Protein backbone atom coordinates (compact mmCIF):
# COMPACT_ATOMS: atom_id res chain seq x y z
CA MET A 1 2.03 12.72 -16.25
CA LYS A 2 -1.55 13.03 -16.97
CA LYS A 3 -3.38 9.76 -17.10
CA LYS A 4 -3.28 8.08 -20.50
CA TYR A 5 -6.37 6.19 -21.40
CA ILE A 6 -5.09 2.67 -23.22
CA ALA A 7 -7.07 -0.24 -24.71
CA ILE A 8 -5.11 -3.44 -24.95
CA ALA A 9 -6.14 -5.42 -27.68
CA ALA A 10 -6.62 -9.29 -27.07
CA LEU A 11 -3.17 -11.12 -26.51
CA SER A 12 -3.63 -14.16 -29.15
CA GLY A 13 -3.34 -16.93 -27.54
CA MET A 14 -2.41 -15.21 -24.38
CA LEU A 15 1.22 -15.55 -25.31
CA VAL A 16 2.65 -12.48 -23.82
CA LEU A 17 0.97 -13.19 -20.45
CA ASN A 18 1.76 -17.05 -20.69
CA SER A 19 5.28 -17.46 -22.35
CA CYS A 20 8.75 -15.14 -22.86
CA THR A 21 9.15 -16.06 -25.70
CA ASN A 22 7.47 -13.17 -27.79
CA LEU A 23 6.99 -10.24 -25.93
CA MET A 24 4.03 -8.67 -28.21
CA GLU A 25 1.04 -6.65 -27.56
CA ASN A 26 -1.11 -4.30 -29.66
CA VAL A 27 -1.42 -1.23 -27.53
CA LEU A 28 -4.14 0.92 -29.08
CA ASP A 29 -3.31 4.59 -27.36
CA GLU A 30 -2.97 8.15 -28.50
CA THR A 31 -0.28 7.60 -31.13
CA SER A 32 -2.93 5.36 -32.71
CA ALA A 33 -5.12 8.40 -33.41
CA THR A 34 -3.95 10.90 -37.00
CA GLY A 35 -3.37 14.40 -36.49
CA LEU A 36 -1.44 14.18 -33.12
CA SER A 37 1.84 16.44 -32.45
CA ASP A 38 5.20 14.20 -32.03
CA ARG A 39 4.71 15.55 -28.25
CA GLN A 40 1.59 14.09 -27.87
CA ALA A 41 2.59 11.10 -29.53
CA ALA A 42 5.29 10.22 -27.21
CA ASP A 43 3.48 11.25 -24.02
CA GLY A 44 1.12 8.27 -25.25
CA ILE A 45 3.96 5.75 -25.82
CA ILE A 46 5.57 6.37 -22.35
CA ALA A 47 2.68 6.09 -20.38
CA PRO A 48 1.71 2.16 -21.08
CA VAL A 49 5.74 2.08 -20.06
CA TYR A 50 4.18 2.93 -15.91
CA ALA A 51 0.74 1.88 -16.60
CA LEU A 52 0.75 -1.33 -14.64
CA LEU A 53 2.66 -0.66 -11.64
CA PRO A 54 -0.34 -0.43 -9.79
CA ASN A 55 -1.45 -3.63 -10.61
CA LEU A 56 2.21 -5.07 -9.79
CA PHE A 57 2.11 -3.86 -6.18
CA GLN A 58 -1.58 -4.50 -5.46
CA HIS A 59 -1.80 -6.81 -2.08
CA THR A 60 -2.11 -10.00 -4.17
CA ASN A 61 0.69 -9.81 -6.19
CA TYR A 62 4.04 -8.54 -5.24
CA PHE A 63 3.13 -7.55 -1.64
CA ALA A 64 2.05 -10.85 -1.26
CA ILE A 65 5.33 -13.03 -2.42
CA GLN A 66 7.87 -10.54 -1.02
CA GLU A 67 5.99 -10.17 2.70
CA ILE A 68 3.71 -12.92 3.23
CA SER A 69 6.59 -15.42 2.55
CA THR A 70 8.34 -13.54 5.51
CA ASP A 71 8.16 -13.17 9.21
CA GLU A 72 6.76 -9.94 8.30
CA ALA A 73 3.15 -11.26 7.31
CA ILE A 74 0.84 -14.04 7.90
CA LEU A 75 -2.44 -14.48 6.15
CA PRO A 76 -4.22 -17.55 7.60
CA TYR A 77 -7.73 -18.92 7.12
CA ARG A 78 -10.05 -16.38 8.34
CA GLY A 79 -12.41 -17.86 10.61
CA GLY A 80 -12.48 -20.81 8.81
CA THR A 81 -14.58 -18.87 5.75
CA ASP A 82 -12.03 -16.18 4.09
CA TRP A 83 -8.71 -15.87 2.93
CA GLY A 84 -8.85 -19.87 2.07
CA ASP A 85 -7.48 -18.94 -1.62
CA ASN A 86 -6.44 -23.24 -1.96
CA GLY A 87 -4.08 -22.66 0.61
CA ILE A 88 -1.79 -20.28 -1.54
CA TYR A 89 -1.25 -18.30 1.17
CA LEU A 90 -0.46 -20.86 3.80
CA ALA A 91 1.91 -22.07 1.16
CA MET A 92 3.48 -18.86 0.64
CA HIS A 93 4.31 -18.46 4.34
CA GLN A 94 5.22 -21.68 4.72
CA HIS A 95 7.75 -22.16 1.50
CA THR A 96 5.57 -24.61 -0.05
CA TYR A 97 4.52 -22.53 -3.10
CA THR A 98 4.32 -24.34 -6.43
CA SER A 99 4.40 -23.11 -10.45
CA THR A 100 0.86 -23.03 -10.22
CA ASP A 101 0.39 -20.37 -7.69
CA PRO A 102 -1.95 -17.37 -9.21
CA ASN A 103 0.12 -15.04 -7.24
CA LEU A 104 3.02 -15.72 -8.75
CA ARG A 105 1.67 -16.19 -11.83
CA ASN A 106 -0.06 -13.02 -11.94
CA THR A 107 3.15 -11.19 -11.11
CA TRP A 108 5.11 -12.72 -13.67
CA ASN A 109 2.60 -11.98 -16.39
CA LEU A 110 2.36 -8.17 -15.14
CA LEU A 111 6.46 -8.03 -15.25
CA LEU A 112 6.87 -9.28 -18.86
CA GLN A 113 3.85 -7.53 -20.07
CA SER A 114 5.41 -4.32 -18.98
CA ILE A 115 8.81 -5.29 -20.23
CA SER A 116 7.42 -5.72 -23.75
CA ARG A 117 5.64 -2.31 -23.39
CA ALA A 118 9.29 -0.70 -22.56
CA ILE A 119 10.70 -2.24 -26.16
CA THR A 120 7.44 -0.85 -27.83
CA ALA A 121 8.87 2.53 -26.42
CA ILE A 122 12.34 1.81 -27.07
CA ASN A 123 11.97 1.21 -30.80
CA THR A 124 8.80 3.82 -31.12
CA LEU A 125 10.45 6.81 -29.66
CA PRO A 126 13.17 7.18 -32.34
CA THR A 127 10.98 7.89 -34.97
CA LEU A 128 9.75 11.08 -33.14
CA ASP A 129 10.85 14.33 -33.70
CA ASP A 130 10.55 15.88 -30.16
CA PRO A 131 13.02 16.62 -27.44
CA VAL A 132 11.19 14.91 -25.17
CA SER A 133 11.72 11.99 -27.28
CA ARG A 134 14.88 11.49 -25.56
CA MET A 135 14.22 11.53 -22.03
CA TYR A 136 11.30 9.44 -22.54
CA LEU A 137 13.78 6.80 -24.42
CA ALA A 138 15.81 7.00 -21.07
CA GLU A 139 13.11 6.31 -19.11
CA ALA A 140 11.85 3.38 -21.05
CA ARG A 141 15.33 1.92 -20.94
CA GLY A 142 15.46 2.56 -17.11
CA MET A 143 12.05 0.99 -16.46
CA ARG A 144 12.69 -2.07 -18.69
CA ALA A 145 16.08 -2.85 -16.55
CA TYR A 146 13.63 -2.20 -13.34
CA TYR A 147 11.27 -4.64 -14.30
CA SER A 148 14.58 -7.11 -15.22
CA MET A 149 15.92 -6.58 -11.86
CA LEU A 150 12.66 -7.50 -10.15
CA THR A 151 12.63 -10.66 -12.38
CA LEU A 152 15.98 -11.46 -11.30
CA ASP A 153 15.51 -10.93 -7.90
CA LEU A 154 12.10 -12.96 -7.69
CA PHE A 155 12.75 -15.62 -10.69
CA GLY A 156 16.42 -15.67 -11.17
CA LEU A 157 16.55 -14.81 -14.87
CA VAL A 158 16.15 -11.48 -17.29
CA PHE A 159 14.59 -11.70 -20.70
CA VAL A 160 16.90 -9.93 -23.16
CA LYS A 161 15.68 -8.32 -26.54
CA ASP A 162 15.35 -5.10 -28.46
CA ASP A 163 13.21 -6.25 -31.51
CA LEU A 164 9.65 -7.26 -30.40
CA SER A 165 9.33 -10.42 -33.00
CA ALA A 166 12.41 -12.02 -31.91
CA THR A 167 13.23 -14.74 -29.26
CA SER A 168 14.69 -13.29 -25.82
CA THR A 169 17.69 -14.32 -24.66
CA ILE A 170 17.82 -15.69 -21.11
CA LEU A 171 20.36 -14.14 -18.98
CA ARG A 172 20.98 -15.63 -15.20
CA GLY A 173 24.13 -14.95 -12.77
CA GLU A 174 26.60 -12.68 -13.64
CA GLN A 175 25.70 -11.97 -17.03
CA ALA A 176 22.11 -10.80 -15.65
CA VAL A 177 23.66 -8.69 -13.55
CA GLU A 178 26.14 -6.93 -15.72
CA TYR A 179 23.10 -6.42 -18.39
CA ILE A 180 20.74 -4.36 -15.63
CA LYS A 181 23.24 -2.29 -14.68
CA SER A 182 24.64 -1.42 -18.47
CA GLU A 183 20.84 -0.62 -18.85
CA PHE A 184 20.57 1.83 -16.30
CA LEU A 185 23.62 3.20 -16.60
CA ALA A 186 22.77 3.68 -20.43
CA ALA A 187 19.41 5.69 -19.29
CA GLU A 188 20.82 8.08 -16.53
CA PRO A 189 22.60 10.67 -18.68
CA ASN A 190 19.25 11.55 -20.17
CA LEU A 191 17.34 11.22 -17.63
CA GLU A 192 16.02 14.47 -15.61
CA THR A 193 16.27 15.11 -11.81
CA ASN A 194 12.68 16.61 -10.62
CA VAL A 195 9.97 14.73 -12.63
CA GLY A 196 9.67 12.10 -9.75
CA PRO A 197 8.55 10.39 -7.56
CA GLY A 198 6.23 8.76 -10.05
CA ARG A 199 8.79 8.41 -13.10
CA LEU A 200 12.11 7.41 -13.31
CA THR A 201 15.17 9.94 -12.69
CA LYS A 202 18.58 10.28 -11.94
CA GLY A 203 18.10 9.86 -8.28
CA ALA A 204 15.75 7.07 -9.10
CA VAL A 205 18.40 4.89 -10.83
CA TRP A 206 21.45 5.68 -8.60
CA GLY A 207 19.08 4.77 -5.78
CA LEU A 208 18.36 1.17 -8.22
CA LEU A 209 21.80 0.80 -8.96
CA ALA A 210 22.74 1.12 -5.26
CA ARG A 211 20.28 -1.67 -4.53
CA LEU A 212 21.26 -3.94 -7.68
CA HIS A 213 24.99 -3.76 -6.24
CA LEU A 214 23.97 -4.35 -2.58
CA ASN A 215 22.01 -7.31 -3.75
CA ALA A 216 24.59 -8.43 -6.38
CA ALA A 217 25.98 -11.55 -4.56
CA VAL A 218 23.03 -12.57 -4.12
CA TYR A 219 21.68 -12.16 -7.72
CA ARG A 220 25.09 -14.02 -8.93
CA ASP A 221 24.64 -17.03 -6.52
CA PRO A 222 21.26 -17.19 -5.31
CA TYR A 223 22.01 -20.94 -3.90
CA ALA A 224 24.87 -20.28 -1.89
CA ALA A 225 25.55 -21.23 1.45
CA THR A 226 27.57 -17.81 2.09
CA PHE A 227 27.43 -14.75 0.00
CA ASN A 228 30.58 -13.09 -1.58
CA PHE A 229 29.56 -9.36 -1.14
CA LYS A 230 32.79 -8.43 -3.39
CA PRO A 231 34.33 -5.14 -1.63
CA GLU A 232 33.74 -3.07 -5.60
CA ASP A 233 30.30 -3.68 -5.03
CA MET A 234 29.95 -2.00 -1.93
CA ASP A 235 31.91 0.83 -3.23
CA LYS A 236 29.43 1.49 -5.84
CA VAL A 237 26.17 1.14 -3.00
CA ILE A 238 28.53 3.97 -1.25
CA GLU A 239 28.96 5.91 -4.49
CA TYR A 240 25.63 6.00 -5.56
CA THR A 241 24.10 6.58 -2.13
CA ASP A 242 26.42 9.34 -1.53
CA LYS A 243 25.31 10.91 -4.77
CA ILE A 244 21.46 10.84 -3.99
CA ILE A 245 22.24 12.25 -0.22
CA SER A 246 24.75 15.11 -1.33
CA SER A 247 22.15 16.05 -4.05
CA GLY A 248 20.12 17.57 -1.43
CA GLN A 249 16.83 16.86 -3.61
CA TYR A 250 15.26 14.67 -0.95
CA GLN A 251 14.61 15.16 3.09
CA LEU A 252 13.99 12.70 5.67
CA ALA A 253 10.37 13.22 6.89
CA ARG A 254 9.45 14.33 10.04
CA GLU A 255 6.55 12.62 10.75
CA TYR A 256 7.34 8.94 9.73
CA PHE A 257 3.28 7.98 8.76
CA SER A 258 3.38 11.13 6.44
CA ILE A 259 5.46 9.22 4.39
CA PHE A 260 2.43 7.07 3.66
CA ASP A 261 -0.56 9.59 3.56
CA ASP A 262 -3.08 9.76 0.93
CA ASN A 263 -1.22 12.96 -0.26
CA ASN A 264 2.40 11.86 0.08
CA HIS A 265 2.94 12.96 -3.52
CA ASP A 266 5.05 15.64 -2.92
CA ASN A 267 6.84 14.31 0.01
CA LYS A 268 10.50 15.05 0.13
CA GLU A 269 11.40 11.55 1.05
CA LEU A 270 10.24 9.49 -1.93
CA ILE A 271 12.60 9.19 -4.30
CA PHE A 272 10.86 6.59 -6.59
CA ALA A 273 7.08 5.53 -6.16
CA VAL A 274 3.85 4.22 -7.83
CA ASP A 275 2.31 7.32 -8.92
CA GLN A 276 -1.83 6.24 -7.28
CA ARG A 277 -2.93 10.47 -7.41
CA ALA A 278 -6.89 10.70 -7.89
CA ASP A 279 -6.82 11.33 -11.61
CA LEU A 280 -4.46 8.24 -11.96
CA ASN A 281 -6.70 6.00 -11.01
CA GLY A 282 -4.88 4.48 -8.15
CA HIS A 283 -6.33 1.75 -5.80
CA ASN A 284 -6.48 1.71 -2.01
CA ARG A 285 -5.30 -2.02 -1.23
CA MET A 286 -2.48 -1.39 0.75
CA ALA A 287 -4.65 0.33 3.38
CA TYR A 288 -8.00 -1.87 3.96
CA PHE A 289 -5.80 -5.11 3.58
CA SER A 290 -5.24 -5.79 7.07
CA LEU A 291 -7.75 -3.89 8.53
CA SER A 292 -10.50 -5.69 10.22
CA GLY A 293 -13.99 -5.39 8.34
CA ASP A 294 -15.52 -3.52 11.06
CA GLN A 295 -13.03 -1.11 10.71
CA PHE A 296 -14.44 1.66 9.00
CA PRO A 297 -11.90 4.78 8.41
CA LEU A 298 -14.37 7.24 6.81
CA PRO A 299 -17.47 8.60 7.98
CA ALA A 300 -18.47 9.65 4.47
CA PHE A 301 -18.66 5.76 3.23
CA PRO A 302 -20.45 3.13 5.62
CA ALA A 303 -18.96 0.51 2.72
CA ALA A 304 -15.23 1.19 3.06
CA ASN A 305 -14.14 -0.94 5.49
CA GLY A 306 -10.64 -3.79 6.06
CA THR A 307 -11.04 -7.53 4.62
CA ASP A 308 -9.41 -9.26 7.73
CA GLY A 309 -6.31 -10.18 5.74
CA PRO A 310 -2.78 -10.41 7.19
CA GLY A 311 -1.21 -9.51 10.22
CA ILE A 312 2.10 -9.78 11.54
CA THR A 313 4.01 -12.82 13.10
CA SER A 314 4.58 -12.92 17.23
CA ASP A 315 8.34 -13.36 16.00
CA TYR A 316 8.17 -10.21 14.35
CA TYR A 317 6.77 -8.47 16.99
CA GLN A 318 8.91 -9.73 19.28
CA THR A 319 11.70 -7.88 17.41
CA TRP A 320 10.44 -4.40 18.88
CA VAL A 321 9.43 -5.75 22.01
CA ASN A 322 13.30 -6.96 22.71
CA ALA A 323 14.74 -3.66 21.37
CA TYR A 324 12.86 -1.65 23.62
CA ALA A 325 11.90 -3.55 26.59
CA PRO A 326 11.04 -2.69 29.54
CA LEU A 327 9.77 0.07 27.17
CA ASP A 328 6.69 -0.46 25.56
CA PRO A 329 7.17 -0.31 21.62
CA SER A 330 5.66 2.64 20.91
CA VAL A 331 8.11 5.03 22.03
CA ASP A 332 9.50 4.56 18.70
CA PRO A 333 7.47 7.14 16.56
CA ARG A 334 7.45 4.23 13.53
CA PHE A 335 5.27 1.50 15.57
CA HIS A 336 2.56 3.40 15.97
CA LYS A 337 0.38 6.66 15.62
CA GLN A 338 -2.34 7.47 17.80
CA ASN A 339 -5.28 9.36 16.23
CA LEU A 340 -8.29 8.28 18.32
CA GLU A 341 -7.96 9.81 22.03
CA ILE A 342 -10.64 7.21 23.35
CA TYR A 343 -7.88 4.62 23.88
CA THR A 344 -6.87 7.16 26.36
CA ASN A 345 -9.64 9.32 27.06
CA PRO A 346 -13.40 7.40 27.81
CA GLU A 347 -15.18 10.62 27.28
CA ALA A 348 -13.87 11.35 23.98
CA THR A 349 -16.93 8.94 22.17
CA CYS A 350 -18.08 11.80 20.18
CA VAL A 351 -16.37 12.87 16.89
CA ALA A 352 -16.71 15.55 14.26
CA ALA A 353 -16.54 13.66 10.79
CA GLU A 354 -14.12 15.73 10.03
CA ASN A 355 -11.63 14.69 12.80
CA PHE A 356 -12.07 11.55 12.75
CA HIS A 357 -8.85 9.25 11.81
CA ILE A 358 -8.03 6.24 12.58
CA ASN A 359 -4.62 4.77 14.48
CA ARG A 360 -1.48 4.18 12.07
CA GLY A 361 1.07 1.59 11.88
CA ILE A 362 0.82 -1.53 14.13
CA LEU A 363 -2.31 -2.11 15.58
CA ARG A 364 -2.93 -3.93 19.01
CA GLY A 365 -5.54 -4.63 21.21
CA GLN A 366 -9.26 -3.60 21.48
CA GLN A 367 -10.12 -1.41 18.84
CA TYR A 368 -12.29 1.47 18.83
CA GLY A 369 -13.91 3.18 16.16
CA LEU A 370 -17.17 3.98 13.98
CA ILE A 371 -20.21 1.85 14.89
CA ARG A 372 -22.45 0.48 12.43
CA LYS A 373 -25.70 -0.56 12.48
CA ASN A 374 -27.99 -1.53 9.49
CA GLY A 375 -25.54 0.09 6.73
CA ALA A 376 -25.32 3.05 8.81
CA PHE A 377 -23.26 5.02 11.32
CA LEU A 378 -24.54 5.36 14.88
CA LYS A 379 -24.18 9.54 15.98
CA CYS A 380 -24.30 11.33 18.85
CA PRO A 381 -27.29 13.22 19.53
CA ASP A 382 -25.34 16.23 18.68
CA GLY A 383 -24.71 15.09 15.41
CA ARG A 384 -21.20 13.99 15.71
CA MET A 385 -20.02 10.60 15.10
CA LEU A 386 -20.28 8.00 17.67
CA VAL A 387 -16.95 5.78 18.64
CA GLY A 388 -16.32 2.99 20.38
CA PRO A 389 -15.38 -0.18 21.15
CA LEU A 390 -15.67 -2.73 17.86
CA PHE A 391 -17.12 -6.19 17.41
CA ASN A 392 -17.27 -8.16 14.53
CA ASP A 393 -20.87 -7.77 13.66
CA THR A 394 -20.00 -7.92 9.82
CA ARG A 395 -18.70 -11.55 10.32
CA ASN A 396 -22.15 -12.24 11.99
CA ARG A 397 -19.76 -12.31 15.25
CA PRO A 398 -21.35 -9.66 17.36
CA THR A 399 -20.42 -11.13 20.81
CA LEU A 400 -16.04 -11.19 19.39
CA PRO A 401 -14.67 -8.05 20.29
CA VAL A 402 -12.44 -6.47 17.52
CA ASN A 403 -9.27 -6.87 20.27
CA PHE A 404 -6.65 -8.10 18.12
CA THR A 405 -3.82 -10.32 19.66
CA GLU A 406 -0.59 -11.29 19.41
CA LYS A 407 -1.10 -14.94 18.65
CA ILE A 408 -1.69 -15.65 15.14
CA ASP A 409 -1.28 -19.23 13.25
CA PHE A 410 -3.20 -21.66 11.33
CA THR A 411 -4.85 -23.40 14.13
CA VAL A 412 -8.52 -22.62 14.62
CA GLU A 413 -7.85 -20.59 17.20
CA GLY A 414 -4.97 -18.55 15.96
CA SER A 415 -7.17 -17.74 12.55
CA ASP A 416 -10.08 -16.36 14.11
CA TYR A 417 -11.12 -12.96 12.99
CA ASN A 418 -9.44 -11.25 16.03
CA THR A 419 -5.88 -12.66 15.37
CA GLY A 420 -2.77 -11.02 14.88
CA TYR A 421 -1.65 -7.50 15.34
CA ARG A 422 -2.86 -5.38 12.16
CA VAL A 423 -0.74 -2.87 9.91
CA GLU A 424 -1.92 0.55 8.85
CA LYS A 425 0.93 1.79 7.39
CA TYR A 426 -0.55 3.50 4.37
CA GLU A 427 -3.41 6.23 5.21
CA PHE A 428 -7.04 4.76 4.16
CA SER A 429 -7.51 7.35 1.11
CA ARG A 430 -10.66 9.63 2.25
CA LYS A 431 -11.89 9.51 -1.28
CA SER A 432 -12.25 5.51 -1.08
CA ALA A 433 -16.27 5.23 -1.45
CA SER A 434 -15.64 1.28 -0.83
CA GLY A 435 -12.32 0.80 0.54
CA ARG A 436 -10.82 -0.55 -2.36
CA ASN A 437 -10.28 2.15 -5.17
CA PHE A 438 -9.36 5.58 -5.33
CA GLY A 439 -6.31 5.06 -3.28
CA GLU A 440 -4.35 8.29 -3.57
CA ALA A 441 -1.20 7.40 -1.88
CA ASP A 442 1.69 7.04 -3.74
CA ILE A 443 3.28 3.31 -3.17
CA VAL A 444 7.31 3.45 -2.17
CA ILE A 445 9.33 1.99 -4.35
CA LEU A 446 12.63 3.69 -2.91
CA ARG A 447 12.85 6.69 -0.45
CA LEU A 448 15.44 8.48 0.84
CA ALA A 449 15.71 6.58 4.42
CA ASP A 450 16.54 3.28 2.37
CA VAL A 451 19.44 4.75 0.78
CA TYR A 452 21.30 5.76 4.14
CA LEU A 453 20.61 2.00 5.19
CA MET A 454 22.00 0.67 2.37
CA ARG A 455 24.95 2.86 2.77
CA ALA A 456 25.37 1.74 6.08
CA GLU A 457 25.38 -1.60 5.13
CA ALA A 458 27.84 -1.15 2.49
CA LYS A 459 30.18 0.32 4.97
CA LEU A 460 29.72 -2.86 7.41
CA ARG A 461 30.28 -5.50 4.59
CA LYS A 462 33.26 -3.84 3.16
CA GLY A 463 35.32 -2.97 6.06
CA GLY A 464 33.43 -3.27 8.94
CA ASP A 465 32.74 0.59 9.53
CA ALA A 466 30.78 0.42 11.80
CA ALA A 467 30.84 3.96 13.53
CA SER A 468 30.27 5.34 10.02
CA ALA A 469 26.91 2.99 9.58
CA LEU A 470 26.09 3.70 13.25
CA ALA A 471 25.72 7.40 11.81
CA ASP A 472 23.50 7.02 8.93
CA VAL A 473 20.98 4.90 10.94
CA ASN A 474 21.11 7.27 13.89
CA THR A 475 20.63 10.36 10.92
CA VAL A 476 17.39 8.47 10.31
CA ARG A 477 16.28 7.74 13.35
CA ALA A 478 16.79 11.63 14.84
CA ALA A 479 14.67 12.68 11.83
CA ARG A 480 11.25 11.66 13.23
CA THR A 481 11.13 15.03 14.99
CA ALA A 482 7.37 15.60 14.72
CA THR A 483 7.20 13.47 18.13
CA THR A 484 9.92 12.11 20.14
CA PRO A 485 12.22 10.36 17.85
CA PRO A 486 13.50 7.01 18.67
CA PRO A 487 16.54 6.88 20.89
CA PRO A 488 20.06 6.49 19.35
CA LEU A 489 21.41 3.17 18.99
CA THR A 490 25.05 2.84 20.62
CA SER A 491 26.42 0.14 18.69
CA MET A 492 26.00 -0.92 14.91
CA SER A 493 26.27 -4.68 13.53
CA LEU A 494 24.93 -6.57 10.68
CA ASP A 495 22.30 -8.37 12.62
CA LEU A 496 21.76 -4.64 14.09
CA LEU A 497 21.32 -3.00 10.81
CA TYR A 498 18.74 -6.03 9.81
CA ARG A 499 16.54 -5.28 12.67
CA GLU A 500 16.63 -1.77 11.63
CA ARG A 501 15.72 -2.32 8.53
CA GLY A 502 12.74 -4.28 9.67
CA PHE A 503 11.75 -1.29 11.79
CA GLU A 504 12.00 1.23 9.25
CA LEU A 505 11.13 -0.27 6.16
CA TYR A 506 8.52 -3.02 7.37
CA TRP A 507 5.37 -4.28 4.77
CA GLU A 508 7.17 -1.89 2.03
CA HIS A 509 8.02 -5.09 -0.31
CA GLN A 510 11.80 -5.54 0.58
CA ARG A 511 11.48 -8.01 3.54
CA ARG A 512 12.07 -11.35 1.43
CA THR A 513 14.95 -9.53 -0.47
CA ASP A 514 16.48 -8.37 2.65
CA MET A 515 15.80 -11.88 4.46
CA ILE A 516 17.55 -13.41 1.74
CA ARG A 517 20.69 -11.22 1.90
CA PHE A 518 20.83 -11.10 5.44
CA GLY A 519 20.87 -15.46 5.71
CA LYS A 520 17.25 -15.56 7.61
CA TYR A 521 15.23 -16.80 4.93
CA GLU A 522 15.99 -20.36 6.05
CA ASP A 523 14.89 -19.33 9.71
CA THR A 524 12.09 -20.70 11.79
CA TRP A 525 9.49 -18.34 12.44
CA THR A 526 5.73 -18.80 12.80
CA GLU A 527 4.04 -21.80 10.86
CA LYS A 528 7.26 -22.08 9.04
CA THR A 529 10.04 -24.27 9.67
CA ASN A 530 10.87 -25.28 5.92
CA THR A 531 15.15 -24.62 5.15
CA ASP A 532 15.42 -25.40 1.34
CA LYS A 533 17.85 -23.00 0.24
CA GLN A 534 16.17 -23.33 -3.14
CA LYS A 535 12.84 -21.55 -2.05
CA ARG A 536 14.83 -18.10 -2.23
CA ILE A 537 13.90 -18.10 -5.80
CA PHE A 538 10.47 -18.55 -6.80
CA PRO A 539 9.07 -21.36 -9.71
CA ILE A 540 8.66 -19.87 -12.93
CA PRO A 541 4.79 -20.30 -13.10
CA GLN A 542 3.59 -23.29 -15.19
CA THR A 543 1.62 -21.65 -18.00
CA ALA A 544 5.08 -19.85 -18.76
CA ILE A 545 6.35 -23.34 -19.17
CA ASP A 546 3.79 -24.61 -21.38
CA GLY A 547 3.66 -21.73 -23.63
CA ALA A 548 7.68 -22.05 -24.40
CA SER A 549 7.21 -25.54 -24.80
CA ASN A 550 7.29 -24.99 -28.63
CA LEU A 551 10.83 -24.43 -27.97
CA PRO A 552 12.41 -27.27 -26.39
CA GLY A 553 14.75 -26.31 -23.44
CA TYR A 554 14.42 -22.73 -23.84
CA LEU A 555 12.70 -22.21 -20.59
CA GLN A 556 13.86 -24.32 -17.54
CA GLN A 557 12.04 -24.64 -14.44
CA ASN A 558 14.11 -23.19 -11.27
CA PRO A 559 15.54 -26.23 -9.15
CA GLY A 560 13.44 -27.79 -6.49
CA TYR A 561 9.93 -27.47 -8.65
């Protein structure tokens, strides 16, 4: 799908962004022009339905609330000067977040605005006389269901309406689950199979339905002491995951990190993703967020560096250590990919620019890379790039090595620029001039490995079929044959499966949802001791509560806030 350039008119009173009572905006796109064919008009109508996905999946929106709220990511007040942000990242990690959190507000706004755009498309596409309109209508309806599933997962409610001028009906619990399910099922027959991963397909809807049924017990009763995973829900998870696997359309990638390369759009493991190819004006924030400010992945761009954002907690790191002891966790190719030979060969200090690639995965210890002085990279006498140990020069700490430590917390010592093992899962795009733009890697929403793991979980939860679950998990592990794959597991349980999801899907916007479903969200980890079950659901942003105040009792704040 080609990029459609759309202009959004001013939103009267910020009603769309700050309320849920009237999801309306004036979208000025190709359909506003005269002389367009119905096909051109349809293209212009469906484009805005997807257009805000890159914004939603930015590092300070959906990622922050799905990952920094968990043991997989922690973002301290770096050096006492960076990432303070009025304590919002400390509060997110410690489960003391409030209704004024800007990341929650921005995520809410983007979801509701995207629902608004889907409703506009649902109302407009049937007026166009072009065969593609039927498929686009199904995509718009399915995307509305996807955005609604996110509002249910994050905020515990769903807004329902078909007429933009009407007031939405609010659904929670069982009613919300049934509504989302019915919308996915209504969309599925008219979807294509081969227009992904950046657009909704039959395979994507099957996967999202499996995810809905897997989490339905949580969505029906989010504050339950124990969740009731109904056998019929688990049957549906197995049914939909079987459809995806047996379709033969998708393949597990031999090289794990190829799934997250900047040219991953055609990777056969992707089922549904945020399309961020260069012509779609994608961003690169998932790649630069965790890196040091003195890590420069691109020889052509001396301004493209990291931002010393989050690291992983020691608690999460130790799950790898415990799984593979006495071996190092790097025996699992999902943990780390070594690209810089200097780690093992001190003579490899001169590298041709085209051959320079930073390491991927979880980064530990002293970091090596391009050395920048006075705004330019140093070079060897033969013109190749000089590679060596890095120091925190950009932080005016030239004697502090970029030596990532396991310890990271909210103490002064634990918040320094060198603390915490970092994550470079997505490849730093080779065209990212500033480190913040031109991100070409599609951001994963759903991929085949997750499908296998969902099926394994459903088999365990339904009847304790550990043998079949083990086979599914080992299928994923054995597929990573570009290097030595991780050794097969010999047993399977829900705790082992939870650990395996943490190894396979880390930093892919799923950890909070997984932790809640597996009963881990009230656990204690680095800098987090809150055990309040009401924190499973985020507060509705105060701006939305205020915006709906003209309808008393319409939008009630979630319990505990």
